[in-house]
C-alpha atoms as a PDB file:
ATOM      1  CA  UNK A   1       3.175   0.926 -22.573  1.00  0.00           C
ATOM      2  CA  UNK A   2       1.194   3.426 -20.481  1.00  0.00           C
ATOM      3  CA  UNK A   3       1.921   7.309 -19.723  1.00  0.00           C
ATOM      4  CA  UNK A   4       1.957   6.066 -15.946  1.00  0.00           C
ATOM      5  CA  UNK A   5       4.988   4.113 -16.594  1.00  0.00           C
ATOM      6  CA  UNK A   6       8.379   5.394 -17.244  1.00  0.00           C
ATOM      7  CA  UNK A   7      11.607   3.646 -18.181  1.00  0.00           C
ATOM      8  CA  UNK A   8      14.059   4.119 -15.003  1.00  0.00           C
ATOM      9  CA  UNK A   9      18.146   4.586 -15.168  1.00  0.00           C
ATOM     10  CA  UNK A  10      18.486   0.636 -15.130  1.00  0.00           C
ATOM     11  CA  UNK A  11      16.039   0.211 -17.799  1.00  0.00           C
ATOM     12  CA  UNK A  12      13.325  -1.476 -15.694  1.00  0.00           C
ATOM     13  CA  UNK A  13       9.855   0.457 -16.567  1.00  0.00           C
ATOM     14  CA  UNK A  14       7.999   1.639 -13.228  1.00  0.00           C
ATOM     15  CA  UNK A  15       5.616   4.011 -12.008  1.00  0.00           C
ATOM     16  CA  UNK A  16       6.297   7.334 -13.036  1.00  0.00           C
ATOM     17  CA  UNK A  17       6.012   8.965  -9.648  1.00  0.00           C
ATOM     18  CA  UNK A  18       9.289   6.831  -8.838  1.00  0.00           C
ATOM     19  CA  UNK A  19      11.081   9.044 -11.367  1.00  0.00           C
ATOM     20  CA  UNK A  20      13.663   7.832 -13.760  1.00  0.00           C
ATOM     21  CA  UNK A  21      16.693   8.486 -11.629  1.00  0.00           C
ATOM     22  CA  UNK A  22      18.329   6.494  -8.693  1.00  0.00           C
ATOM     23  CA  UNK A  23      16.728   8.242  -6.132  1.00  0.00           C
ATOM     24  CA  UNK A  24      14.743   7.673  -3.088  1.00  0.00           C
ATOM     25  CA  UNK A  25      11.546   7.216  -4.741  1.00  0.00           C
ATOM     26  CA  UNK A  26      12.788   4.687  -7.115  1.00  0.00           C
ATOM     27  CA  UNK A  27      14.391   2.626  -4.322  1.00  0.00           C
ATOM     28  CA  UNK A  28      11.152   3.057  -2.374  1.00  0.00           C
ATOM     29  CA  UNK A  29       8.925   1.995  -5.532  1.00  0.00           C
ATOM     30  CA  UNK A  30      11.286  -0.788  -6.048  1.00  0.00           C
ATOM     31  CA  UNK A  31      11.861  -1.809  -2.647  1.00  0.00           C
ATOM     32  CA  UNK A  32       8.968  -0.939  -0.280  1.00  0.00           C
ATOM     33  CA  UNK A  33       5.806  -0.089  -2.230  1.00  0.00           C
ATOM     34  CA  UNK A  34       3.491  -2.845  -2.683  1.00  0.00           C
ATOM     35  CA  UNK A  35       6.044  -5.302  -1.320  1.00  0.00           C
ATOM     36  CA  UNK A  36       3.820  -7.766   0.868  1.00  0.00           C
ATOM     37  CA  UNK A  37       4.616  -7.821   4.505  1.00  0.00           C
ATOM     38  CA  UNK A  38       3.579  -9.480   7.448  1.00  0.00           C
ATOM     39  CA  UNK A  39       5.574  -7.793   9.988  1.00  0.00           C
ATOM     40  CA  UNK A  40       3.294  -5.941  12.653  1.00  0.00           C
ATOM     41  CA  UNK A  41       5.731  -3.218  13.075  1.00  0.00           C
ATOM     42  CA  UNK A  42       5.813  -2.400   9.598  1.00  0.00           C
ATOM     43  CA  UNK A  43       2.400  -2.659   8.602  1.00  0.00           C
ATOM     44  CA  UNK A  44       1.500  -0.218  11.796  1.00  0.00           C
ATOM     45  CA  UNK A  45       4.157   2.311  10.763  1.00  0.00           C
ATOM     46  CA  UNK A  46       2.517   2.329   7.205  1.00  0.00           C
ATOM     47  CA  UNK A  47      -0.999   2.663   8.564  1.00  0.00           C
ATOM     48  CA  UNK A  48       0.199   5.520  10.734  1.00  0.00           C
ATOM     49  CA  UNK A  49       2.827   7.502   8.397  1.00  0.00           C
ATOM     50  CA  UNK A  50       0.175   7.892   5.454  1.00  0.00           C
ATOM     51  CA  UNK A  51      -2.291  10.215   8.000  1.00  0.00           C
ATOM     52  CA  UNK A  52      -0.314  12.002  10.330  1.00  0.00           C
ATOM     53  CA  UNK A  53       0.531  15.088   8.585  1.00  0.00           C
ATOM     54  CA  UNK A  54       0.092  18.214  10.404  1.00  0.00           C
ATOM     55  CA  UNK A  55      -2.869  17.295  12.299  1.00  0.00           C
ATOM     56  CA  UNK A  56      -2.839  17.062  16.171  1.00  0.00           C
ATOM     57  CA  UNK A  57      -5.788  15.011  15.939  1.00  0.00           C
ATOM     58  CA  UNK A  58      -4.058  12.579  14.168  1.00  0.00           C
ATOM     59  CA  UNK A  59      -0.841  12.497  16.130  1.00  0.00           C
ATOM     60  CA  UNK A  60      -2.827  11.812  19.189  1.00  0.00           C
ATOM     61  CA  UNK A  61      -4.585   8.899  16.998  1.00  0.00           C
ATOM     62  CA  UNK A  62      -1.341   7.638  16.398  1.00  0.00           C
ATOM     63  CA  UNK A  63      -0.704   7.063  20.050  1.00  0.00           C
ATOM     64  CA  UNK A  64      -4.321   5.685  20.496  1.00  0.00           C
ATOM     65  CA  UNK A  65      -4.062   3.397  17.329  1.00  0.00           C
ATOM     66  CA  UNK A  66      -0.653   1.963  19.231  1.00  0.00           C
ATOM     67  CA  UNK A  67      -2.524   0.807  22.439  1.00  0.00           C
ATOM     68  CA  UNK A  68      -5.310  -0.694  19.958  1.00  0.00           C
ATOM     69  CA  UNK A  69      -2.731  -2.283  18.159  1.00  0.00           C
ATOM     70  CA  UNK A  70      -1.253  -3.813  21.025  1.00  0.00           C
ATOM     71  CA  UNK A  71      -4.672  -5.475  22.311  1.00  0.00           C
ATOM     72  CA  UNK A  72      -6.461  -6.022  18.953  1.00  0.00           C
ATOM     73  CA  UNK A  73      -7.454  -9.121  17.879  1.00  0.00           C
ATOM     74  CA  UNK A  74      -6.986  -9.975  15.340  1.00  0.00           C
ATOM     75  CA  UNK A  75      -4.027  -8.655  15.234  1.00  0.00           C
ATOM     76  CA  UNK A  76      -3.310  -6.267  12.164  1.00  0.00           C
ATOM     77  CA  UNK A  77      -1.351  -8.797  10.210  1.00  0.00           C
ATOM     78  CA  UNK A  78      -4.267 -11.518  10.438  1.00  0.00           C
ATOM     79  CA  UNK A  79      -6.915  -8.635   9.221  1.00  0.00           C
ATOM     80  CA  UNK A  80      -4.781  -7.938   6.245  1.00  0.00           C
ATOM     81  CA  UNK A  81      -4.305 -11.208   5.275  1.00  0.00           C
ATOM     82  CA  UNK A  82      -8.520 -11.648   5.153  1.00  0.00           C
ATOM     83  CA  UNK A  83      -8.726  -8.743   3.084  1.00  0.00           C
ATOM     84  CA  UNK A  84      -5.969  -9.178   0.507  1.00  0.00           C
ATOM     85  CA  UNK A  85      -6.900  -8.825  -3.222  1.00  0.00           C
ATOM     86  CA  UNK A  86      -5.565 -10.693  -5.917  1.00  0.00           C
ATOM     87  CA  UNK A  87      -5.098  -9.478  -9.096  1.00  0.00           C
ATOM     88  CA  UNK A  88      -4.749 -11.779 -12.757  1.00  0.00           C
ATOM     89  CA  UNK A  89      -4.221  -8.216 -14.662  1.00  0.00           C
ATOM     90  CA  UNK A  90      -2.523  -5.006 -13.751  1.00  0.00           C
ATOM     91  CA  UNK A  91      -4.526  -1.565 -13.539  1.00  0.00           C
ATOM     92  CA  UNK A  92      -3.887  -0.522 -17.385  1.00  0.00           C
ATOM     93  CA  UNK A  93      -3.361   3.064 -15.733  1.00  0.00           C
ATOM     94  CA  UNK A  94      -3.469   5.145 -12.618  1.00  0.00           C
ATOM     95  CA  UNK A  95      -7.034   6.062 -14.052  1.00  0.00           C
ATOM     96  CA  UNK A  96      -8.085   2.578 -13.195  1.00  0.00           C
ATOM     97  CA  UNK A  97      -7.506   2.525  -9.481  1.00  0.00           C
ATOM     98  CA  UNK A  98      -9.874   2.916  -7.171  1.00  0.00           C
ATOM     99  CA  UNK A  99      -9.704   5.161  -4.440  1.00  0.00           C
ATOM    100  CA  UNK A 100     -11.300   2.438  -1.995  1.00  0.00           C
ATOM    101  CA  UNK A 101     -12.870  -0.963  -2.513  1.00  0.00           C
ATOM    102  CA  UNK A 102     -15.387  -2.929  -0.539  1.00  0.00           C
ATOM    103  CA  UNK A 103     -12.331  -5.011   1.239  1.00  0.00           C
ATOM    104  CA  UNK A 104     -10.757  -1.518   2.249  1.00  0.00           C
ATOM    105  CA  UNK A 105     -14.099  -0.634   3.598  1.00  0.00           C
ATOM    106  CA  UNK A 106     -14.606  -3.819   5.577  1.00  0.00           C
ATOM    107  CA  UNK A 107     -10.909  -3.822   6.986  1.00  0.00           C
ATOM    108  CA  UNK A 108     -11.506   0.245   8.192  1.00  0.00           C
ATOM    109  CA  UNK A 109     -14.929  -1.193   9.838  1.00  0.00           C
ATOM    110  CA  UNK A 110     -12.937  -3.634  11.730  1.00  0.00           C
ATOM    111  CA  UNK A 111     -10.043  -1.502  12.401  1.00  0.00           C
ATOM    112  CA  UNK A 112     -12.455   1.013  13.904  1.00  0.00           C
ATOM    113  CA  UNK A 113     -14.132  -1.827  16.124  1.00  0.00           C
ATOM    114  CA  UNK A 114     -10.774  -2.738  17.667  1.00  0.00           C
ATOM    115  CA  UNK A 115     -10.469   1.273  18.446  1.00  0.00           C
ATOM    116  CA  UNK A 116      -8.380   2.504  15.670  1.00  0.00           C
ATOM    117  CA  UNK A 117      -8.836   6.161  14.480  1.00  0.00           C
ATOM    118  CA  UNK A 118      -8.311   8.240  10.990  1.00  0.00           C
ATOM    119  CA  UNK A 119      -8.938   4.712   9.376  1.00  0.00           C
ATOM    120  CA  UNK A 120     -11.360   5.337   6.629  1.00  0.00           C
ATOM    121  CA  UNK A 121     -11.923   3.338   3.408  1.00  0.00           C
ATOM    122  CA  UNK A 122      -9.825   5.387   1.236  1.00  0.00           C
ATOM    123  CA  UNK A 123      -6.730   5.803   3.737  1.00  0.00           C
ATOM    124  CA  UNK A 124      -6.934   1.984   4.114  1.00  0.00           C
ATOM    125  CA  UNK A 125      -7.041   1.062   0.414  1.00  0.00           C
ATOM    126  CA  UNK A 126      -3.638   3.628   0.309  1.00  0.00           C
ATOM    127  CA  UNK A 127      -2.198   1.430   2.967  1.00  0.00           C
ATOM    128  CA  UNK A 128      -3.531  -1.729   1.303  1.00  0.00           C
ATOM    129  CA  UNK A 129      -1.421  -0.496  -1.599  1.00  0.00           C
ATOM    130  CA  UNK A 130       1.833   0.242   0.296  1.00  0.00           C
ATOM    131  CA  UNK A 131       2.379  -2.891   1.883  1.00  0.00           C
ATOM    132  CA  UNK A 132       1.249  -5.315  -0.762  1.00  0.00           C
ATOM    133  CA  UNK A 133      -2.375  -6.556   0.314  1.00  0.00           C
ATOM    134  CA  UNK A 134      -3.264  -5.380  -3.390  1.00  0.00           C
ATOM    135  CA  UNK A 135      -0.750  -4.775  -5.884  1.00  0.00           C
ATOM    136  CA  UNK A 136      -1.474  -1.794  -7.831  1.00  0.00           C
ATOM    137  CA  UNK A 137       1.837  -1.208  -9.767  1.00  0.00           C
ATOM    138  CA  UNK A 138       0.099  -0.354 -13.243  1.00  0.00           C
ATOM    139  CA  UNK A 139       0.883  -2.357 -16.557  1.00  0.00           C
ATOM    140  CA  UNK A 140       4.218  -2.238 -18.117  1.00  0.00           C
ATOM    141  CA  UNK A 141       5.844  -1.629 -14.522  1.00  0.00           C
ATOM    142  CA  UNK A 142       7.957  -4.151 -13.779  1.00  0.00           C
ATOM    143  CA  UNK A 143       6.619  -4.766 -10.554  1.00  0.00           C
ATOM    144  CA  UNK A 144       2.680  -5.320 -11.871  1.00  0.00           C
ATOM    145  CA  UNK A 145       1.334  -8.691 -11.932  1.00  0.00           C
ATOM    146  CA  UNK A 146       1.189  -9.157 -15.162  1.00  0.00           C
ATOM    147  CA  UNK A 147       4.844  -8.351 -16.080  1.00  0.00           C
ATOM    148  CA  UNK A 148       7.008 -11.171 -17.572  1.00  0.00           C
ATOM    149  CA  UNK A 149       7.798 -12.984 -13.781  1.00  0.00           C
ATOM    150  CA  UNK A 150      11.712 -13.216 -14.801  1.00  0.00           C
ATOM    151  CA  UNK A 151      11.862  -9.971 -15.056  1.00  0.00           C
ATOM    152  CA  UNK A 152       9.982  -8.806 -11.797  1.00  0.00           C
ATOM    153  CA  UNK A 153      12.722  -9.166  -9.534  1.00  0.00           C
ATOM    154  CA  UNK A 154      14.279  -6.051  -7.560  1.00  0.00           C
END
């Protein structure tokens, strides 16, 4: 098992950042991070919260992005669906994870063309991980694509 994966309080292997105890991080890992969503509001929240910390420009961009989302075509959900990344095998370790991908760059360009701000390829890739457009749970984690399916439920 990769050093990027630990055994949690419940015996399930999960990403090390989730912690071994029954914490908010472990529940977030198990129930939210990497879970595919098609909910426009949840997607906007994930796109926004990842970049808003202590930056007045980003706070203003959030309001601007909300306006862009309301008038955007195609929708955030449709754009995400067009950029989905399917993996047969989970990344072996955190060092195998890219900071961005061509799909994230394309997605970021599409968002920018719709009026979104502060949506570069790196932040868009993190967003794609968060909302399950790509499954970057590493090998050994019970949510990884190559973990035995009978144990992947959460």
